[in-house]
């Protein structure tokens, strides 16, 4: 049967969609590669992480709702003291120094889909949404959880472990009602 899009059979449509996705990804990769040759070392670092300059890949500034939520969370962590205050101080330093980058969507690191990444210098990269097709939704609280989770990795040098997530244990404890 040859009905469907431009004479393609219904079996060929998924392959056609995959081809379009590959072309879009290649366009991002091409844009990334062309900008790496420029004089900016920062662009080269961003491109090497796969977060290139294509519009679907860039991070954005924190909006006012997010800013208020972060500031409120930092105050709460300070008030709790102890370990909560310790990773809250890291979160505050990253926030005040502009080292928190919010990307529009999750990305892959190896075979894993990730919503956050932290660097020892305090830089955090976070995903606002799950994917560009809006399959699933991340709330503001989800974003804050990821931000705290990454701050724990920095503050206590907690390694990533896919079987037991020690960073979430800290976040969970600091979110319990007192």
Protein backbone atom coordinates (compact mmCIF):
# COMPACT_ATOMS: atom_id res chain seq x y z
CA UNK A 1 0.00 0.00 0.00
CA UNK A 2 1.45 3.36 -0.98
CA UNK A 3 -0.71 5.88 0.79
CA UNK A 4 0.76 8.23 3.37
CA UNK A 5 3.29 11.01 3.13
CA UNK A 6 4.44 11.58 -0.46
CA UNK A 7 3.87 7.97 -1.51
CA UNK A 8 5.80 6.44 1.43
CA UNK A 9 4.28 3.33 2.92
CA UNK A 10 3.15 3.37 6.56
CA UNK A 11 6.20 1.22 7.43
CA UNK A 12 8.60 3.82 6.06
CA UNK A 13 7.21 6.72 8.13
CA UNK A 14 9.13 5.85 11.35
CA UNK A 15 12.35 5.68 9.34
CA UNK A 16 11.52 9.02 7.73
CA UNK A 17 11.09 10.55 11.22
CA UNK A 18 14.41 9.07 12.31
CA UNK A 19 16.07 10.55 9.22
CA UNK A 20 14.67 14.01 10.03
CA UNK A 21 15.94 13.73 13.61
CA UNK A 22 19.38 12.74 12.35
CA UNK A 23 19.44 15.71 9.98
CA UNK A 24 18.54 18.12 12.80
CA UNK A 25 21.23 16.63 15.03
CA UNK A 26 23.78 16.89 12.22
CA UNK A 27 22.84 20.55 11.76
CA UNK A 28 23.58 21.17 15.45
CA UNK A 29 26.88 19.31 15.16
CA UNK A 30 27.84 21.26 12.05
CA UNK A 31 27.06 24.57 13.76
CA UNK A 32 29.11 23.46 16.75
CA UNK A 33 32.10 22.46 14.65
CA UNK A 34 32.12 25.72 12.70
CA UNK A 35 32.15 27.83 15.86
CA UNK A 36 34.93 25.89 17.56
CA UNK A 37 37.44 27.32 15.13
CA UNK A 38 36.67 30.84 16.42
CA UNK A 39 38.85 32.67 18.94
CA UNK A 40 36.68 31.98 22.01
CA UNK A 41 37.99 29.23 24.27
CA UNK A 42 34.63 29.22 26.10
CA UNK A 43 32.79 28.27 22.91
CA UNK A 44 35.25 25.41 22.38
CA UNK A 45 34.59 24.06 25.88
CA UNK A 46 30.83 24.26 25.39
CA UNK A 47 31.12 22.55 22.01
CA UNK A 48 33.27 19.75 23.43
CA UNK A 49 30.57 18.94 25.99
CA UNK A 50 28.02 18.54 23.21
CA UNK A 51 26.14 21.65 24.29
CA UNK A 52 26.95 23.55 21.10
CA UNK A 53 25.62 26.85 19.96
CA UNK A 54 22.57 25.58 18.07
CA UNK A 55 19.35 27.11 19.50
CA UNK A 56 18.07 23.77 20.82
CA UNK A 57 21.34 23.25 22.74
CA UNK A 58 21.92 26.58 24.52
CA UNK A 59 21.29 27.33 28.17
CA UNK A 60 19.23 30.26 29.36
CA UNK A 61 19.24 32.78 32.18
CA UNK A 62 17.29 32.08 35.34
CA UNK A 63 13.79 33.58 35.24
CA UNK A 64 12.34 35.55 38.17
CA UNK A 65 10.22 32.64 39.46
CA UNK A 66 13.27 30.40 39.50
CA UNK A 67 15.38 33.09 41.15
CA UNK A 68 12.86 33.54 43.97
CA UNK A 69 12.62 29.78 44.49
CA UNK A 70 16.42 29.39 44.65
CA UNK A 71 16.79 32.25 47.13
CA UNK A 72 14.02 30.81 49.34
CA UNK A 73 15.64 27.37 49.23
CA UNK A 74 19.06 28.78 50.15
CA UNK A 75 17.52 30.57 53.16
CA UNK A 76 15.87 27.32 54.28
CA UNK A 77 19.10 25.33 53.96
CA UNK A 78 21.03 27.95 55.97
CA UNK A 79 18.36 27.91 58.70
CA UNK A 80 18.60 24.12 59.01
CA UNK A 81 22.33 24.27 59.73
CA UNK A 82 24.74 21.34 59.62
CA UNK A 83 25.13 19.47 56.36
CA UNK A 84 22.16 21.32 54.86
CA UNK A 85 23.89 24.64 55.47
CA UNK A 86 27.15 23.30 54.03
CA UNK A 87 25.70 22.34 50.66
CA UNK A 88 23.43 25.39 50.80
CA UNK A 89 26.58 27.56 50.90
CA UNK A 90 27.85 25.84 47.75
CA UNK A 91 24.48 26.38 46.07
CA UNK A 92 24.53 30.05 47.08
CA UNK A 93 28.07 30.57 45.76
CA UNK A 94 27.19 28.94 42.43
CA UNK A 95 24.00 31.00 42.20
CA UNK A 96 25.53 34.36 43.15
CA UNK A 97 28.51 33.88 40.80
CA UNK A 98 26.27 33.05 37.83
CA UNK A 99 27.54 29.49 37.50
CA UNK A 100 24.11 27.89 37.17
CA UNK A 101 23.15 27.25 33.55
CA UNK A 102 19.68 25.98 32.68
CA UNK A 103 19.42 24.14 29.38
CA UNK A 104 16.01 23.68 27.78
CA UNK A 105 16.14 19.86 27.79
CA UNK A 106 17.91 16.82 29.26
CA UNK A 107 20.94 15.46 27.41
CA UNK A 108 22.88 12.22 27.17
CA UNK A 109 26.11 11.44 28.98
CA UNK A 110 27.17 8.09 27.57
CA UNK A 111 24.05 5.95 27.53
CA UNK A 112 22.34 7.84 30.39
CA UNK A 113 19.84 10.67 30.05
CA UNK A 114 20.77 13.35 32.58
CA UNK A 115 19.07 16.37 34.09
CA UNK A 116 22.09 17.87 35.85
CA UNK A 117 25.85 18.01 35.92
CA UNK A 118 28.19 19.64 38.41
CA UNK A 119 31.82 20.69 38.11
CA UNK A 120 34.20 20.94 41.09
CA UNK A 121 34.51 24.71 40.44
CA UNK A 122 30.81 25.20 41.29
CA UNK A 123 29.41 25.28 37.77
CA UNK A 124 26.08 23.50 37.40
CA UNK A 125 24.23 22.66 34.21
CA UNK A 126 20.57 21.74 34.66
CA UNK A 127 17.72 20.68 32.37
CA UNK A 128 14.46 22.64 32.52
CA UNK A 129 12.39 20.06 30.61
CA UNK A 130 12.76 16.40 29.73
CA UNK A 131 12.76 16.72 25.93
CA UNK A 132 11.71 19.05 23.09
CA UNK A 133 8.54 17.03 22.47
CA UNK A 134 7.37 17.68 26.07
CA UNK A 135 7.14 13.98 26.81
CA UNK A 136 7.00 14.33 30.57
CA UNK A 137 7.27 17.53 32.56
CA UNK A 138 9.82 18.75 35.09
CA UNK A 139 8.36 21.07 37.70
CA UNK A 140 10.19 23.95 39.36
CA UNK A 141 10.58 21.70 42.40
CA UNK A 142 12.21 19.03 40.19
CA UNK A 143 14.67 21.64 38.95
CA UNK A 144 15.44 22.76 42.53
CA UNK A 145 15.95 19.14 43.59
CA UNK A 146 18.45 18.64 40.76
CA UNK A 147 20.21 21.88 41.72
CA UNK A 148 20.53 20.74 45.35
CA UNK A 149 21.62 17.28 44.22
CA UNK A 150 24.44 18.83 42.15
CA UNK A 151 25.42 21.11 45.06
CA UNK A 152 25.80 17.99 47.25
CA UNK A 153 28.13 16.46 44.65
CA UNK A 154 30.30 19.58 44.83
CA UNK A 155 30.15 20.18 48.60
CA UNK A 156 30.86 16.64 49.75
CA UNK A 157 32.67 15.30 46.68
CA UNK A 158 30.04 12.62 46.29
CA UNK A 159 30.79 10.47 43.25
CA UNK A 160 28.05 9.46 40.82
CA UNK A 161 26.75 6.02 41.59
CA UNK A 162 23.85 4.62 39.60
CA UNK A 163 22.97 1.94 42.16
CA UNK A 164 22.73 4.06 45.33
CA UNK A 165 22.29 7.78 45.04
CA UNK A 166 24.00 9.22 48.10
CA UNK A 167 23.45 12.79 46.89
CA UNK A 168 19.67 12.30 46.97
CA UNK A 169 19.94 11.02 50.54
CA UNK A 170 21.34 14.40 51.63
CA UNK A 171 18.70 16.32 49.68
CA UNK A 172 15.89 14.17 51.06
CA UNK A 173 17.11 14.69 54.64
CA UNK A 174 17.33 18.46 54.18
CA UNK A 175 13.81 18.62 52.76
CA UNK A 176 12.13 16.74 55.60
CA UNK A 177 9.73 18.77 57.70
CA UNK A 178 11.21 19.79 61.04
